[in-house]
C-alpha atoms as a PDB file:
ATOM      1  CA  MET A   1      34.862 126.892  54.643  1.00  0.00           C
ATOM      2  CA  LYS A   2      38.376 127.296  53.290  1.00  0.00           C
ATOM      3  CA  GLU A   3      37.984 131.097  53.166  1.00  0.00           C
ATOM      4  CA  PHE A   4      36.888 131.043  56.794  1.00  0.00           C
ATOM      5  CA  LEU A   5      39.968 129.112  57.833  1.00  0.00           C
ATOM      6  CA  LEU A   6      42.276 131.366  55.846  1.00  0.00           C
ATOM      7  CA  HIS A   7      40.994 134.469  57.616  1.00  0.00           C
ATOM      8  CA  TYR A   8      40.449 133.133  61.129  1.00  0.00           C
ATOM      9  CA  HIS A   9      42.489 135.962  62.659  1.00  0.00           C
ATOM     10  CA  TYR A  10      39.842 138.463  61.538  1.00  0.00           C
ATOM     11  CA  TRP A  11      37.187 136.443  63.352  1.00  0.00           C
ATOM     12  CA  VAL A  12      39.344 136.467  66.478  1.00  0.00           C
ATOM     13  CA  VAL A  13      39.642 140.254  66.172  1.00  0.00           C
ATOM     14  CA  VAL A  14      35.873 140.650  65.775  1.00  0.00           C
ATOM     15  CA  PHE A  15      35.213 138.364  68.753  1.00  0.00           C
ATOM     16  CA  LEU A  16      37.629 140.298  70.966  1.00  0.00           C
ATOM     17  CA  MET A  17      36.215 143.645  69.825  1.00  0.00           C
ATOM     18  CA  MET A  18      32.660 142.627  70.610  1.00  0.00           C
ATOM     19  CA  THR A  19      33.696 141.116  73.954  1.00  0.00           C
ATOM     20  CA  GLY A  20      35.491 144.320  74.947  1.00  0.00           C
ATOM     21  CA  LEU A  21      32.627 146.506  73.776  1.00  0.00           C
ATOM     22  CA  TYR A  22      30.122 144.377  75.685  1.00  0.00           C
ATOM     23  CA  ALA A  23      32.229 144.610  78.852  1.00  0.00           C
ATOM     24  CA  VAL A  24      32.322 148.403  78.584  1.00  0.00           C
ATOM     25  CA  VAL A  25      28.621 148.837  77.839  1.00  0.00           C
ATOM     26  CA  ALA A  26      27.032 146.132  80.008  1.00  0.00           C
ATOM     27  CA  SER A  27      29.135 146.343  83.149  1.00  0.00           C
ATOM     28  CA  GLY A  28      28.533 148.837  85.918  1.00  0.00           C
ATOM     29  CA  ASN A  29      31.834 148.095  87.613  1.00  0.00           C
ATOM     30  CA  LEU A  30      34.486 150.653  86.686  1.00  0.00           C
ATOM     31  CA  LEU A  31      37.318 148.134  86.930  1.00  0.00           C
ATOM     32  CA  LYS A  32      35.533 145.800  84.497  1.00  0.00           C
ATOM     33  CA  LYS A  33      35.094 148.733  82.128  1.00  0.00           C
ATOM     34  CA  VAL A  34      38.861 149.362  82.154  1.00  0.00           C
ATOM     35  CA  VAL A  35      39.506 145.672  81.440  1.00  0.00           C
ATOM     36  CA  GLY A  36      36.948 145.789  78.610  1.00  0.00           C
ATOM     37  CA  LEU A  37      38.704 148.799  77.098  1.00  0.00           C
ATOM     38  CA  ASN A  38      42.004 146.901  77.239  1.00  0.00           C
ATOM     39  CA  VAL A  39      40.490 143.885  75.481  1.00  0.00           C
ATOM     40  CA  PHE A  40      39.049 146.170  72.799  1.00  0.00           C
ATOM     41  CA  GLN A  41      42.407 147.894  72.441  1.00  0.00           C
ATOM     42  CA  ALA A  42      44.226 144.575  72.086  1.00  0.00           C
ATOM     43  CA  SER A  43      41.853 143.569  69.303  1.00  0.00           C
ATOM     44  CA  VAL A  44      42.650 146.777  67.419  1.00  0.00           C
ATOM     45  CA  PHE A  45      46.360 146.026  67.802  1.00  0.00           C
ATOM     46  CA  MET A  46      45.824 142.548  66.385  1.00  0.00           C
ATOM     47  CA  LEU A  47      43.850 143.968  63.476  1.00  0.00           C
ATOM     48  CA  TYR A  48      46.578 146.417  62.472  1.00  0.00           C
ATOM     49  CA  ILE A  49      49.331 143.831  62.854  1.00  0.00           C
ATOM     50  CA  SER A  50      47.432 141.287  60.734  1.00  0.00           C
ATOM     51  CA  LEU A  51      46.807 143.919  58.049  1.00  0.00           C
ATOM     52  CA  GLY A  52      50.513 144.749  57.918  1.00  0.00           C
ATOM     53  CA  VAL A  53      51.596 141.188  57.098  1.00  0.00           C
ATOM     54  CA  VAL A  54      52.480 140.462  53.457  1.00  0.00           C
ATOM     55  CA  ASP A  55      52.571 136.866  52.215  1.00  0.00           C
ATOM     56  CA  GLY A  56      56.124 136.056  51.263  1.00  0.00           C
ATOM     57  CA  GLY A  57      57.294 139.491  52.372  1.00  0.00           C
ATOM     58  CA  ALA A  58      60.746 139.980  53.808  1.00  0.00           C
ATOM     59  CA  VAL A  59      62.264 142.473  56.184  1.00  0.00           C
ATOM     60  CA  PRO A  60      62.703 145.805  54.357  1.00  0.00           C
ATOM     61  CA  ILE A  61      66.456 145.527  54.003  1.00  0.00           C
ATOM     62  CA  LEU A  62      67.635 145.923  50.413  1.00  0.00           C
ATOM     63  CA  ARG A  63      69.013 142.666  49.083  1.00  0.00           C
ATOM     64  CA  PRO A  64      69.154 141.553  45.461  1.00  0.00           C
ATOM     65  CA  GLU A  65      67.372 138.221  46.026  1.00  0.00           C
ATOM     66  CA  VAL A  66      64.320 139.789  47.736  1.00  0.00           C
ATOM     67  CA  THR A  67      61.566 141.380  45.651  1.00  0.00           C
ATOM     68  CA  VAL A  68      58.613 141.554  48.084  1.00  0.00           C
ATOM     69  CA  TYR A  69      58.944 143.562  51.267  1.00  0.00           C
ATOM     70  CA  SER A  70      56.690 143.916  54.294  1.00  0.00           C
ATOM     71  CA  ASN A  71      55.776 147.394  55.401  1.00  0.00           C
ATOM     72  CA  PRO A  72      57.110 147.995  58.944  1.00  0.00           C
ATOM     73  CA  LEU A  73      54.954 151.087  59.553  1.00  0.00           C
ATOM     74  CA  PRO A  74      51.897 149.293  61.041  1.00  0.00           C
ATOM     75  CA  HIS A  75      54.120 147.461  63.511  1.00  0.00           C
ATOM     76  CA  VAL A  76      55.876 150.671  64.542  1.00  0.00           C
ATOM     77  CA  LEU A  77      52.547 152.427  65.021  1.00  0.00           C
ATOM     78  CA  ILE A  78      51.321 149.580  67.197  1.00  0.00           C
ATOM     79  CA  LEU A  79      54.415 149.851  69.394  1.00  0.00           C
ATOM     80  CA  THR A  80      53.573 153.504  69.941  1.00  0.00           C
ATOM     81  CA  ALA A  81      49.923 152.639  70.593  1.00  0.00           C
ATOM     82  CA  ILE A  82      50.941 150.036  73.177  1.00  0.00           C
ATOM     83  CA  VAL A  83      52.923 152.662  75.095  1.00  0.00           C
ATOM     84  CA  VAL A  84      49.981 155.070  74.973  1.00  0.00           C
ATOM     85  CA  GLY A  85      47.636 152.254  76.021  1.00  0.00           C
ATOM     86  CA  VAL A  86      49.738 151.396  79.060  1.00  0.00           C
ATOM     87  CA  ALA A  87      49.770 155.055  80.116  1.00  0.00           C
ATOM     88  CA  THR A  88      46.008 155.354  79.597  1.00  0.00           C
ATOM     89  CA  THR A  89      45.355 152.171  81.543  1.00  0.00           C
ATOM     90  CA  SER A  90      47.500 153.303  84.453  1.00  0.00           C
ATOM     91  CA  LEU A  91      45.674 156.640  84.561  1.00  0.00           C
ATOM     92  CA  ALA A  92      42.282 154.897  84.435  1.00  0.00           C
ATOM     93  CA  LEU A  93      43.271 152.548  87.256  1.00  0.00           C
ATOM     94  CA  ALA A  94      44.521 155.485  89.330  1.00  0.00           C
ATOM     95  CA  LEU A  95      41.162 157.195  88.805  1.00  0.00           C
ATOM     96  CA  VAL A  96      39.314 154.034  89.846  1.00  0.00           C
ATOM     97  CA  VAL A  97      41.384 153.908  93.048  1.00  0.00           C
ATOM     98  CA  ARG A  98      40.571 157.555  93.808  1.00  0.00           C
ATOM     99  CA  ILE A  99      36.863 156.963  93.126  1.00  0.00           C
ATOM    100  CA  LYS A 100      36.958 153.952  95.444  1.00  0.00           C
ATOM    101  CA  GLU A 101      38.541 156.105  98.174  1.00  0.00           C
ATOM    102  CA  ALA A 102      36.009 158.915  97.708  1.00  0.00           C
ATOM    103  CA  TYR A 103      32.813 156.876  97.314  1.00  0.00           C
ATOM    104  CA  GLY A 104      33.674 153.543  98.912  1.00  0.00           C
ATOM    105  CA  THR A 105      32.606 151.625  95.793  1.00  0.00           C
ATOM    106  CA  VAL A 106      33.458 151.211  92.119  1.00  0.00           C
ATOM    107  CA  GLU A 107      29.900 150.385  91.049  1.00  0.00           C
ATOM    108  CA  GLU A 108      28.463 153.035  88.756  1.00  0.00           C
ATOM    109  CA  ASP A 109      24.902 152.822  90.106  1.00  0.00           C
ATOM    110  CA  ASP A 110      26.023 153.266  93.717  1.00  0.00           C
ATOM    111  CA  ILE A 111      28.107 156.301  92.782  1.00  0.00           C
ATOM    112  CA  HIS A 112      25.137 157.907  90.977  1.00  0.00           C
ATOM    113  CA  ARG A 113      22.822 157.176  93.911  1.00  0.00           C
ATOM    114  CA  ARG A 114      25.263 158.734  96.364  1.00  0.00           C
ATOM    115  CA  ASP A 115      25.670 161.835  94.192  1.00  0.00           C
ATOM    116  CA  GLU A 116      21.897 162.282  93.861  1.00  0.00           C
ATOM    117  CA  ALA A 117      21.429 161.904  97.626  1.00  0.00           C
ATOM    118  CA  GLU A 118      23.854 164.756  98.320  1.00  0.00           C
END
C-alpha cells in the first residue's frame, strides 16, 4: 500500500489517459472528441513533468553547497508542447465550427448519413 501512495501521480496520469482515450473512441460528438484529446494531452504533460522531478534536486544553478540537480529539459519541452497543444486545439475547434456550419450538426453519425445520402 505504501508503494501505491508513493506513486499516486502515476495512477492519476493513467486515469486521465484512459478517460481521454475513452472520450475520443466512444463519443460521436466532435466537440467531445476535442475535449477528450485535451484530457489525454494533459495527462501526457503530467507524466513528463513527474518524470523530470528529482528527489532533493535543486535548480541547475552552480553553487558549491548543491550536489543534486534537477533536469530542466522535460519542463521546457512541456512548455513547448503546451503551445503546440493550444494551437492544435484552436484549429480543431475552428474545424468543428466549420463542420457545424456546413452540416448543421457535430454528431459523427449524422454527418456520415448526410454524406451517404448525397
